[in-house]
Amino acid sequence: MEQTDRWIRQVVIVGGGTAGWMTAAALSQVLENNVSLTLVESDAIATVGVGEATIPPIRTFHELAGVNEADFIRDCHATFKLGIEFRNWSAINSRYFHPFGVYGTKKDLGYFFQYWLRLAELGKVADFETFSLCTLAARRDAFAPPSTTPNHPLEHLYSAYHFDASLYARHLKGLSTHRGVSHKLGDVVDAVKNPETGFLEALVLKSGERVAGDLFIDCSGTRGALIDKVMGSAFEDWSKWLPMNRAIAVPCERKLPLSPYTVSTAHAFGWQWRIPLQHRVGNGIVYSTDFASDDQAAQRLTETLEGPALASPNRLRFTTGRRRSPWNKNVVAVGLSSGFLEPLESTSIHLIQSSIQRLIKYFPDKTVSKIVMDAYNREAEAEFENVRDFLILHYNATQRDDSPLWNYTRTMPIPDSLANRVALFAERGQLDLAAEELFQATSWLSVLLGQGIRPRGYMPTMAFQDDNLLAQGYERMKQHLRNVADRLPYHADYLRANGLTNEAVASLAV
């Protein structure tokens, strides 16, 4: 192969929606005009306008893809998110908050919680939740952006977004096509593979048009139009640990204050989400057909809506698991085609984002080195398994015994990777986390404690400190964080004051 022929010149993305247009937006920004980008999507697949919740790394993606925050928030009717409130997960009527940011006032090496455990044993410290500024702000329906000034009180007030997924795809489509991404509507009816290498060479549309490419990105959703149907990458089923296999989504009018957080409420046979947007609330119920009928789930969802439904329910089927080789020859799966993990911790958008960033990191030449492909697949495998374990923790660490679902998840065998992590925490409150893992100490501490796992001890060196001085320091910090939270503007007021509301649709009641 000649030197001039080495480089990827044509990239074809199959599937629009969130995954397809996120991929197009990022690649068109990073690759500029050096690579031809074509997105092919069927005009027969309806867009699902569900409310989508995200986690803070989406800000990194927006910087990469050249997304302007103010334009995005107005166009997508977005709101801010400081974390997730979990209701009824540990026990009926229980409640805890999984915040973004940090506990305390700075990033911790593990000692802040250890000192807290020592003081808690002595009865000299407040509840751990009171040391999270994100939690305190969320409880007041307040919001402010993080400060970029070191040691500023708002330095670690991290946030993400809630937004309308169909509007988000449309916003990214506008950015992408403006940058030269070619958009083709049509059903893919055939795929042409090189008989010697097995590489995909072109797609054939129903119209007869042939779309050639050097690299193909499968954003076709759970059907895996390329990665499964053409390349045959196997799927690893994780239903034994995460048995949910259905969801029903429906938007409704918002009657409650504009809270800057997602709510996850556990039911006897699954759980329900609430995602507040500027113009409505996104709702959905996630359940398993092993423990409830479709009609039972639909009834529970509709009877718990805070306002009138604004559309017919949208029913979704899925199997939790991952694609064993999301990159196979010159086809890369991004989004649901690479695997599905239920939206309990708002990771759907992030897993799209991380796949795109990983693809950019390992972007190939036409030879598609197996070494590079294997590195990508190993990282994808580790990420999926780490997120999987964090989700399993919510189901397994529960005291609920009121229904078959919770009796199953509470007693089921769990992966050794999770069991070992929980055992270390239960023994002495320590977390064995790798730096590259998505969920770090704040996340694990909030869920472990919120689900009722309290360490039996702590690091012995914690007993060698001056307990009275420590207690005084923690009390001052608690009061400081409370004072900061009390001065923050309400979420709705912040959006209005900064010109972020879409006034055509918003009713931002405080």
Protein backbone atom coordinates (compact mmCIF):
# COMPACT_ATOMS: atom_id res chain seq x y z
CA MET A 1 0.00 0.00 0.00
CA GLU A 2 1.33 3.35 -0.98
CA GLN A 3 2.01 5.97 1.67
CA THR A 4 -0.71 8.24 0.26
CA ASP A 5 -3.29 5.43 0.58
CA ARG A 6 -2.69 4.62 4.25
CA TRP A 7 -5.11 7.08 5.79
CA ILE A 8 -8.80 6.71 6.45
CA ARG A 9 -10.56 9.05 4.05
CA GLN A 10 -14.20 7.97 4.25
CA VAL A 11 -16.11 7.29 7.49
CA VAL A 12 -19.70 6.07 7.36
CA ILE A 13 -21.96 6.30 10.41
CA VAL A 14 -25.04 4.07 10.36
CA GLY A 15 -27.89 5.38 12.48
CA GLY A 16 -28.84 8.86 13.64
CA GLY A 17 -30.34 9.60 17.03
CA THR A 18 -28.17 10.53 19.97
CA ALA A 19 -25.31 8.12 19.27
CA GLY A 20 -25.06 8.86 15.56
CA TRP A 21 -25.11 12.62 15.82
CA MET A 22 -22.81 12.70 18.85
CA THR A 23 -20.33 10.70 16.77
CA ALA A 24 -20.76 12.96 13.75
CA ALA A 25 -20.38 16.13 15.83
CA ALA A 26 -17.21 14.97 17.57
CA LEU A 27 -15.50 13.54 14.48
CA SER A 28 -16.37 16.53 12.32
CA GLN A 29 -14.80 18.82 14.91
CA VAL A 30 -11.66 16.74 15.49
CA LEU A 31 -11.01 15.50 11.95
CA GLU A 32 -12.13 18.78 10.35
CA ASN A 33 -12.10 18.47 6.56
CA ASN A 34 -9.45 15.75 6.33
CA VAL A 35 -11.99 12.91 6.33
CA SER A 36 -15.32 12.60 4.53
CA LEU A 37 -18.13 11.85 7.01
CA THR A 38 -21.46 10.37 5.91
CA LEU A 39 -24.35 9.55 8.25
CA VAL A 40 -26.98 7.14 6.96
CA GLU A 41 -30.25 6.70 8.84
CA SER A 42 -33.61 5.20 8.07
CA ASP A 43 -36.48 7.63 7.59
CA ALA A 44 -38.83 4.94 8.94
CA ILE A 45 -37.49 4.98 12.50
CA ALA A 46 -39.26 7.51 14.71
CA THR A 47 -37.24 9.67 17.07
CA VAL A 48 -37.85 8.91 20.74
CA GLY A 49 -38.16 12.24 22.57
CA VAL A 50 -37.39 10.99 26.06
CA GLY A 51 -35.88 13.05 28.82
CA GLU A 52 -32.21 12.18 29.15
CA ALA A 53 -30.05 12.55 32.24
CA THR A 54 -26.26 12.79 32.11
CA ILE A 55 -23.18 12.89 34.34
CA PRO A 56 -20.43 15.56 34.52
CA PRO A 57 -18.04 14.15 31.86
CA ILE A 58 -20.51 15.32 29.22
CA ARG A 59 -18.95 18.75 29.66
CA THR A 60 -15.66 17.32 28.37
CA PHE A 61 -17.46 15.89 25.36
CA HIS A 62 -19.10 19.22 24.59
CA GLU A 63 -15.70 20.91 24.64
CA LEU A 64 -14.35 18.23 22.28
CA ALA A 65 -17.32 18.50 19.92
CA GLY A 66 -17.48 22.31 19.96
CA VAL A 67 -20.92 22.54 21.61
CA ASN A 68 -21.81 25.97 23.00
CA GLU A 69 -23.44 25.48 26.41
CA ALA A 70 -25.95 28.34 26.25
CA ASP A 71 -27.17 27.40 22.75
CA PHE A 72 -27.42 23.74 23.75
CA ILE A 73 -29.41 24.48 26.92
CA ARG A 74 -31.93 26.70 25.12
CA ASP A 75 -32.29 24.44 22.08
CA CYS A 76 -32.68 21.23 24.10
CA HIS A 77 -34.83 22.73 26.90
CA ALA A 78 -32.12 21.55 29.26
CA THR A 79 -31.79 21.92 33.02
CA PHE A 80 -28.86 21.31 35.34
CA LYS A 81 -28.23 18.20 37.41
CA LEU A 82 -26.27 17.91 40.67
CA GLY A 83 -26.86 14.20 41.26
CA ILE A 84 -29.53 11.54 41.76
CA GLU A 85 -31.92 11.00 44.65
CA PHE A 86 -32.68 7.34 45.37
CA ARG A 87 -35.96 6.54 47.07
CA ASN A 88 -37.01 3.16 48.50
CA TRP A 89 -33.81 1.41 47.39
CA SER A 90 -32.34 0.38 50.73
CA ALA A 91 -35.76 -0.05 52.33
CA ILE A 92 -39.27 1.25 51.78
CA ASN A 93 -39.39 4.96 52.68
CA SER A 94 -35.58 5.23 52.66
CA ARG A 95 -33.92 8.09 50.81
CA TYR A 96 -30.34 9.03 49.94
CA PHE A 97 -28.55 11.27 47.47
CA HIS A 98 -25.76 10.37 45.06
CA PRO A 99 -24.02 13.72 44.48
CA PHE A 100 -21.50 14.90 41.96
CA GLY A 101 -18.46 16.80 43.23
CA VAL A 102 -16.72 15.74 46.43
CA TYR A 103 -17.40 15.24 50.10
CA GLY A 104 -15.68 18.02 52.00
CA THR A 105 -14.02 20.94 50.26
CA LYS A 106 -11.34 19.30 48.14
CA LYS A 107 -10.50 16.08 46.36
CA ASP A 108 -9.75 13.44 48.94
CA LEU A 109 -7.18 10.65 49.07
CA GLY A 110 -9.44 8.58 51.30
CA TYR A 111 -8.73 10.11 54.68
CA PHE A 112 -11.74 12.46 54.88
CA PHE A 113 -14.11 9.51 55.14
CA GLN A 114 -11.75 7.60 57.41
CA TYR A 115 -11.60 10.49 59.87
CA TRP A 116 -15.38 10.74 59.66
CA LEU A 117 -15.72 7.05 60.57
CA ARG A 118 -13.57 7.58 63.66
CA LEU A 119 -15.63 10.60 64.75
CA ALA A 120 -18.90 8.82 63.99
CA GLU A 121 -17.86 5.97 66.28
CA LEU A 122 -17.38 8.55 69.03
CA GLY A 123 -20.64 10.35 68.25
CA LYS A 124 -18.80 13.58 67.42
CA VAL A 125 -19.76 14.28 63.81
CA ALA A 126 -22.82 15.05 61.67
CA ASP A 127 -24.27 12.76 58.99
CA PHE A 128 -21.86 12.22 56.09
CA GLU A 129 -24.37 13.62 53.58
CA THR A 130 -24.08 17.07 55.17
CA PHE A 131 -20.51 17.34 53.86
CA SER A 132 -21.58 17.36 50.19
CA LEU A 133 -22.22 20.80 48.74
CA CYS A 134 -24.02 19.27 45.74
CA THR A 135 -26.38 17.44 48.10
CA LEU A 136 -27.08 20.55 50.18
CA ALA A 137 -27.75 22.63 47.07
CA ALA A 138 -30.00 19.98 45.54
CA ARG A 139 -32.08 19.74 48.71
CA ARG A 140 -32.82 23.47 48.31
CA ASP A 141 -33.48 23.25 44.54
CA ALA A 142 -30.51 25.62 44.20
CA PHE A 143 -27.79 25.78 41.57
CA ALA A 144 -24.62 27.61 40.59
CA PRO A 145 -21.82 26.67 38.19
CA PRO A 146 -18.49 25.48 39.55
CA SER A 147 -15.80 28.10 40.09
CA THR A 148 -12.51 27.87 38.23
CA THR A 149 -10.72 29.67 41.08
CA PRO A 150 -8.66 27.27 43.24
CA ASN A 151 -9.99 26.84 46.78
CA HIS A 152 -13.17 28.77 45.95
CA PRO A 153 -16.23 27.42 47.84
CA LEU A 154 -17.85 26.43 44.53
CA GLU A 155 -14.78 24.77 43.04
CA HIS A 156 -16.23 21.27 43.35
CA LEU A 157 -19.90 22.01 42.67
CA TYR A 158 -19.92 19.70 39.65
CA SER A 159 -22.99 19.36 37.48
CA ALA A 160 -24.39 17.72 34.37
CA TYR A 161 -27.63 18.18 32.44
CA HIS A 162 -31.14 16.92 31.81
CA PHE A 163 -32.35 17.45 28.24
CA ASP A 164 -34.74 16.29 25.54
CA ALA A 165 -32.93 13.54 23.63
CA SER A 166 -34.64 14.21 20.29
CA LEU A 167 -33.85 17.93 20.52
CA TYR A 168 -30.25 17.06 21.44
CA ALA A 169 -29.88 14.90 18.32
CA ARG A 170 -31.35 17.72 16.24
CA HIS A 171 -28.96 20.25 17.79
CA LEU A 172 -25.93 18.06 17.05
CA LYS A 173 -27.23 17.33 13.56
CA GLY A 174 -27.23 21.07 12.87
CA LEU A 175 -23.62 21.41 14.05
CA SER A 176 -22.52 18.37 12.06
CA THR A 177 -24.13 19.19 8.74
CA HIS A 178 -22.88 22.78 9.01
CA ARG A 179 -19.37 21.32 9.21
CA GLY A 180 -19.90 19.27 6.08
CA VAL A 181 -21.24 15.91 7.32
CA SER A 182 -23.29 14.32 4.55
CA HIS A 183 -26.72 13.11 5.69
CA LYS A 184 -28.45 10.34 3.76
CA LEU A 185 -31.94 8.99 4.47
CA GLY A 186 -32.53 5.39 3.50
CA ASP A 187 -32.66 1.81 4.70
CA VAL A 188 -29.52 -0.31 4.48
CA VAL A 189 -30.48 -3.50 2.64
CA ASP A 190 -27.06 -5.05 1.98
CA ALA A 191 -23.42 -4.83 3.01
CA VAL A 192 -20.48 -5.53 0.71
CA LYS A 193 -17.48 -7.23 2.38
CA ASN A 194 -14.04 -7.90 0.96
CA PRO A 195 -13.93 -11.70 0.50
CA GLU A 196 -10.25 -11.89 1.44
CA THR A 197 -10.00 -9.56 4.45
CA GLY A 198 -13.58 -9.62 5.74
CA PHE A 199 -13.49 -5.82 5.91
CA LEU A 200 -16.69 -3.96 5.09
CA GLU A 201 -16.35 -1.99 1.85
CA ALA A 202 -19.77 -0.48 1.20
CA LEU A 203 -23.43 -0.35 2.18
CA VAL A 204 -26.27 -0.70 -0.29
CA LEU A 205 -29.37 1.37 0.36
CA LYS A 206 -32.93 0.45 -0.59
CA SER A 207 -32.74 3.04 -3.36
CA GLY A 208 -29.82 1.13 -4.86
CA GLU A 209 -27.27 3.76 -3.88
CA ARG A 210 -23.92 2.37 -2.77
CA VAL A 211 -22.18 4.13 0.15
CA ALA A 212 -18.48 3.24 0.30
CA GLY A 213 -16.24 3.74 3.30
CA ASP A 214 -12.91 2.91 4.92
CA LEU A 215 -14.30 2.86 8.46
CA PHE A 216 -17.90 2.14 9.51
CA ILE A 217 -19.45 3.17 12.82
CA ASP A 218 -22.54 1.28 13.94
CA CYS A 219 -24.94 3.58 15.81
CA SER A 220 -28.02 1.54 14.89
CA GLY A 221 -29.06 0.76 18.47
CA THR A 222 -29.73 -2.63 20.02
CA ARG A 223 -30.33 -4.28 16.64
CA GLY A 224 -26.60 -3.94 15.83
CA ALA A 225 -27.18 -3.63 12.08
CA LEU A 226 -23.45 -3.88 11.28
CA ILE A 227 -21.63 -5.15 14.37
CA ASP A 228 -24.08 -8.03 14.85
CA LYS A 229 -25.84 -8.71 11.58
CA VAL A 230 -22.79 -8.20 9.33
CA MET A 231 -19.70 -8.74 11.51
CA GLY A 232 -21.16 -11.28 13.95
CA SER A 233 -19.67 -9.89 17.18
CA ALA A 234 -21.09 -11.94 20.04
CA PHE A 235 -23.19 -10.45 22.84
CA GLU A 236 -22.53 -11.28 26.51
CA ASP A 237 -25.78 -11.41 28.51
CA TRP A 238 -25.69 -9.98 32.06
CA SER A 239 -29.37 -10.52 32.89
CA LYS A 240 -28.54 -12.81 35.82
CA TRP A 241 -27.18 -9.76 37.66
CA LEU A 242 -29.30 -7.00 36.12
CA PRO A 243 -32.66 -8.63 35.30
CA MET A 244 -34.55 -5.54 34.09
CA ASN A 245 -35.56 -6.05 30.43
CA ARG A 246 -38.35 -3.55 29.72
CA ALA A 247 -38.98 0.16 30.03
CA ILE A 248 -41.95 2.43 29.43
CA ALA A 249 -41.32 6.15 28.95
CA VAL A 250 -43.83 9.00 28.91
CA PRO A 251 -43.55 12.79 29.32
CA CYS A 252 -45.94 14.76 31.50
CA GLU A 253 -46.64 18.32 32.59
CA ARG A 254 -44.41 19.55 35.40
CA LYS A 255 -46.23 20.56 38.57
CA LEU A 256 -43.34 20.45 41.05
CA PRO A 257 -40.40 22.87 41.49
CA LEU A 258 -37.55 22.70 38.97
CA SER A 259 -35.28 20.43 40.97
CA PRO A 260 -31.63 20.18 39.82
CA TYR A 261 -31.46 16.40 40.17
CA THR A 262 -32.84 13.13 38.84
CA VAL A 263 -35.09 10.98 41.02
CA SER A 264 -35.00 7.17 41.00
CA THR A 265 -37.83 5.53 42.96
CA ALA A 266 -37.74 1.79 43.53
CA HIS A 267 -40.99 -0.19 43.26
CA ALA A 268 -41.76 -3.81 44.08
CA PHE A 269 -40.84 -4.96 40.56
CA GLY A 270 -38.43 -2.29 39.28
CA TRP A 271 -37.84 1.43 39.48
CA GLN A 272 -39.09 4.73 38.07
CA TRP A 273 -37.20 7.80 36.87
CA ARG A 274 -38.13 11.48 37.00
CA ILE A 275 -36.13 13.90 34.84
CA PRO A 276 -37.21 17.57 35.02
CA LEU A 277 -36.82 19.61 31.83
CA GLN A 278 -37.75 23.23 31.20
CA HIS A 279 -40.98 22.36 29.39
CA ARG A 280 -42.02 19.05 30.93
CA VAL A 281 -40.92 16.07 32.99
CA GLY A 282 -39.49 12.89 31.51
CA ASN A 283 -40.77 9.78 33.30
CA GLY A 284 -40.15 6.12 32.83
CA ILE A 285 -40.44 2.81 34.59
CA VAL A 286 -37.81 0.07 34.26
CA TYR A 287 -38.90 -3.47 35.12
CA SER A 288 -38.46 -7.16 34.46
CA THR A 289 -41.11 -9.32 32.86
CA ASP A 290 -40.01 -12.06 35.27
CA PHE A 291 -41.53 -10.03 38.10
CA ALA A 292 -44.31 -7.91 36.57
CA SER A 293 -46.54 -7.74 33.53
CA ASP A 294 -46.41 -4.91 31.02
CA ASP A 295 -49.87 -3.79 32.18
CA GLN A 296 -48.79 -3.69 35.85
CA ALA A 297 -45.79 -1.55 35.01
CA ALA A 298 -47.79 0.81 32.82
CA GLN A 299 -50.42 1.25 35.50
CA ARG A 300 -47.81 2.03 38.16
CA LEU A 301 -46.19 4.61 35.89
CA THR A 302 -49.38 6.41 34.90
CA GLU A 303 -50.78 6.53 38.43
CA THR A 304 -47.62 8.18 39.78
CA LEU A 305 -47.26 10.96 37.17
CA GLU A 306 -47.32 14.44 38.71
CA GLY A 307 -49.29 15.92 35.83
CA PRO A 308 -51.21 14.99 32.67
CA ALA A 309 -49.32 12.83 30.17
CA LEU A 310 -48.20 14.72 27.06
CA ALA A 311 -47.75 11.74 24.72
CA SER A 312 -48.53 8.08 24.40
CA PRO A 313 -46.24 5.74 26.33
CA ASN A 314 -43.17 4.51 24.46
CA ARG A 315 -42.34 0.86 25.19
CA LEU A 316 -38.75 -0.39 25.01
CA ARG A 317 -37.25 -3.89 25.15
CA PHE A 318 -33.64 -4.61 26.00
CA THR A 319 -31.18 -7.16 27.31
CA THR A 320 -28.45 -6.01 29.64
CA GLY A 321 -24.95 -6.93 28.53
CA ARG A 322 -22.14 -5.96 26.22
CA ARG A 323 -20.71 -6.74 22.81
CA ARG A 324 -17.55 -8.82 23.32
CA SER A 325 -15.79 -7.14 20.39
CA PRO A 326 -17.33 -3.71 19.86
CA TRP A 327 -14.53 -3.02 17.34
CA ASN A 328 -14.43 -5.80 14.73
CA LYS A 329 -12.15 -5.27 11.71
CA ASN A 330 -13.21 -1.88 10.28
CA VAL A 331 -16.57 -1.68 12.09
CA VAL A 332 -16.90 0.06 15.48
CA ALA A 333 -20.08 -0.12 17.56
CA VAL A 334 -21.03 3.05 19.43
CA GLY A 335 -24.01 3.39 21.74
CA LEU A 336 -26.58 0.63 22.26
CA SER A 337 -25.07 -1.46 19.46
CA SER A 338 -22.02 -1.96 21.73
CA GLY A 339 -24.08 -3.00 24.75
CA PHE A 340 -26.83 -1.93 27.10
CA LEU A 341 -26.67 -0.94 30.75
CA GLU A 342 -29.92 0.28 32.22
CA PRO A 343 -30.15 4.04 32.90
CA LEU A 344 -30.04 3.74 36.69
CA GLU A 345 -26.92 5.94 36.97
CA SER A 346 -27.42 7.96 33.79
CA THR A 347 -24.55 6.28 31.96
CA SER A 348 -26.15 5.82 28.51
CA ILE A 349 -24.90 9.11 27.06
CA HIS A 350 -21.53 8.71 28.80
CA LEU A 351 -20.91 5.29 27.26
CA ILE A 352 -21.54 6.81 23.83
CA GLN A 353 -19.18 9.65 24.67
CA SER A 354 -16.41 7.42 25.99
CA SER A 355 -16.62 5.17 22.93
CA ILE A 356 -16.23 8.19 20.66
CA GLN A 357 -13.30 9.52 22.67
CA ARG A 358 -11.70 6.07 22.67
CA LEU A 359 -12.16 5.84 18.90
CA ILE A 360 -10.46 9.21 18.45
CA LYS A 361 -7.62 8.05 20.69
CA TYR A 362 -7.14 4.85 18.67
CA PHE A 363 -8.27 6.19 15.30
CA PRO A 364 -6.81 3.75 12.74
CA ASP A 365 -5.31 3.87 9.32
CA LYS A 366 -6.72 1.61 6.62
CA THR A 367 -4.83 -1.42 7.89
CA VAL A 368 -6.80 -1.34 11.17
CA SER A 369 -4.04 -2.81 13.33
CA LYS A 370 -5.21 -5.72 15.50
CA ILE A 371 -3.03 -4.38 18.32
CA VAL A 372 -4.90 -1.07 18.26
CA MET A 373 -8.29 -2.78 17.93
CA ASP A 374 -7.55 -5.08 20.88
CA ALA A 375 -6.48 -2.13 23.05
CA TYR A 376 -9.79 -0.40 22.30
CA ASN A 377 -11.77 -3.55 23.11
CA ARG A 378 -9.93 -4.15 26.39
CA GLU A 379 -10.66 -0.62 27.57
CA ALA A 380 -14.31 -0.93 26.53
CA GLU A 381 -14.61 -4.23 28.38
CA ALA A 382 -13.13 -2.79 31.59
CA GLU A 383 -15.40 0.25 31.46
CA PHE A 384 -18.56 -1.78 30.93
CA GLU A 385 -17.66 -4.18 33.74
CA ASN A 386 -16.87 -1.38 36.20
CA VAL A 387 -20.18 0.36 35.48
CA ARG A 388 -21.99 -3.00 35.62
CA ASP A 389 -20.65 -3.68 39.11
CA PHE A 390 -21.72 -0.25 40.34
CA LEU A 391 -25.27 -0.85 39.06
CA ILE A 392 -25.44 -4.32 40.60
CA LEU A 393 -24.53 -2.79 43.97
CA HIS A 394 -27.84 -0.86 44.02
CA TYR A 395 -29.85 -4.05 43.63
CA ASN A 396 -27.79 -6.39 45.78
CA ALA A 397 -27.13 -4.12 48.78
CA THR A 398 -30.72 -3.78 49.95
CA GLN A 399 -32.69 -4.70 53.02
CA ARG A 400 -35.93 -5.04 51.06
CA ASP A 401 -37.64 -8.42 51.28
CA ASP A 402 -41.13 -7.33 50.27
CA SER A 403 -41.23 -8.79 46.77
CA PRO A 404 -39.73 -11.54 44.61
CA LEU A 405 -37.51 -9.04 42.72
CA TRP A 406 -35.75 -7.76 45.82
CA ASN A 407 -35.46 -11.23 47.35
CA TYR A 408 -33.75 -12.34 44.15
CA THR A 409 -31.32 -9.43 43.81
CA ARG A 410 -30.51 -9.34 47.55
CA THR A 411 -29.48 -13.02 47.57
CA MET A 412 -28.03 -13.51 44.07
CA PRO A 413 -24.33 -14.31 43.63
CA ILE A 414 -22.46 -11.21 42.45
CA PRO A 415 -19.23 -10.86 40.42
CA ASP A 416 -16.05 -11.39 42.46
CA SER A 417 -14.86 -7.94 41.41
CA LEU A 418 -17.82 -6.36 43.23
CA ALA A 419 -17.84 -8.78 46.15
CA ASN A 420 -14.18 -8.05 46.92
CA ARG A 421 -14.74 -4.29 46.75
CA VAL A 422 -17.74 -4.45 49.10
CA ALA A 423 -15.89 -6.72 51.51
CA LEU A 424 -12.95 -4.30 51.83
CA PHE A 425 -15.32 -1.38 52.40
CA ALA A 426 -17.37 -3.31 54.97
CA GLU A 427 -14.19 -4.27 56.83
CA ARG A 428 -12.56 -0.84 57.16
CA GLY A 429 -14.19 1.70 54.88
CA GLN A 430 -11.58 1.65 52.13
CA LEU A 431 -12.17 1.65 48.39
CA ASP A 432 -9.96 -0.07 45.84
CA LEU A 433 -10.52 2.12 42.79
CA ALA A 434 -8.45 2.53 39.65
CA ALA A 435 -7.90 6.10 38.44
CA GLU A 436 -9.50 5.41 35.07
CA GLU A 437 -12.79 4.14 36.50
CA LEU A 438 -15.85 6.25 35.78
CA PHE A 439 -17.31 6.15 39.28
CA GLN A 440 -14.90 7.32 41.94
CA ALA A 441 -15.01 7.67 45.75
CA THR A 442 -17.91 10.13 45.99
CA SER A 443 -20.16 7.83 43.99
CA TRP A 444 -19.22 4.61 45.76
CA LEU A 445 -19.42 6.17 49.22
CA SER A 446 -22.86 7.64 48.62
CA VAL A 447 -24.34 4.39 47.33
CA LEU A 448 -22.62 2.06 49.80
CA LEU A 449 -23.72 4.18 52.75
CA GLY A 450 -27.10 4.96 51.23
CA GLN A 451 -27.81 1.28 50.68
CA GLY A 452 -27.02 0.55 54.33
CA ILE A 453 -23.47 -0.81 54.27
CA ARG A 454 -21.64 0.68 57.27
CA PRO A 455 -17.97 -0.26 57.77
CA ARG A 456 -17.16 -2.28 60.87
CA GLY A 457 -13.93 -0.37 61.39
CA TYR A 458 -11.46 2.06 59.86
CA MET A 459 -7.75 2.46 59.26
CA PRO A 460 -5.95 2.00 62.62
CA THR A 461 -3.95 5.20 62.10
CA MET A 462 -7.19 7.19 62.48
CA ALA A 463 -7.11 6.45 66.22
CA PHE A 464 -3.81 8.34 66.60
CA GLN A 465 -5.33 11.76 65.85
CA ASP A 466 -6.63 14.47 68.17
CA ASP A 467 -10.33 13.65 68.10
CA ASN A 468 -11.48 16.95 69.57
CA LEU A 469 -9.56 19.01 67.02
CA LEU A 470 -10.91 16.82 64.22
CA ALA A 471 -14.47 17.20 65.48
CA GLN A 472 -14.11 20.97 65.61
CA GLY A 473 -12.77 21.03 62.05
CA TYR A 474 -15.63 18.91 60.74
CA GLU A 475 -18.18 21.11 62.52
CA ARG A 476 -16.70 24.26 60.96
CA MET A 477 -16.73 22.61 57.55
CA LYS A 478 -20.36 21.56 57.96
CA GLN A 479 -21.41 25.10 58.82
CA HIS A 480 -19.32 26.54 55.98
CA LEU A 481 -20.92 24.25 53.39
CA ARG A 482 -24.39 24.99 54.74
CA ASN A 483 -23.76 28.73 54.53
CA VAL A 484 -22.52 28.43 50.94
CA ALA A 485 -25.54 26.34 49.91
CA ASP A 486 -27.96 28.77 51.55
CA ARG A 487 -26.60 31.64 49.44
CA LEU A 488 -27.05 29.90 46.09
CA PRO A 489 -29.87 31.00 43.74
CA TYR A 490 -32.77 28.72 42.98
CA HIS A 491 -32.26 26.56 39.91
CA ALA A 492 -35.10 28.20 37.95
CA ASP A 493 -33.87 31.68 38.88
CA TYR A 494 -30.35 30.86 37.70
CA LEU A 495 -31.63 29.71 34.29
CA ARG A 496 -33.74 32.84 33.87
CA ALA A 497 -31.06 35.26 35.08
CA ASN A 498 -28.50 33.87 32.65
CA GLY A 499 -30.73 33.83 29.59
CA LEU A 500 -30.80 30.02 29.37
CA THR A 501 -34.54 29.47 29.21
CA ASN A 502 -36.45 28.60 26.10
CA GLU A 503 -39.26 31.03 26.81
CA ALA A 504 -41.51 29.51 24.16
CA VAL A 505 -41.97 26.41 26.29
CA ALA A 506 -40.60 27.03 29.75
CA SER A 507 -42.65 27.43 32.90
CA LEU A 508 -39.94 27.56 35.49
CA ALA A 509 -41.85 27.66 38.75
CA VAL A 510 -39.57 27.92 41.76
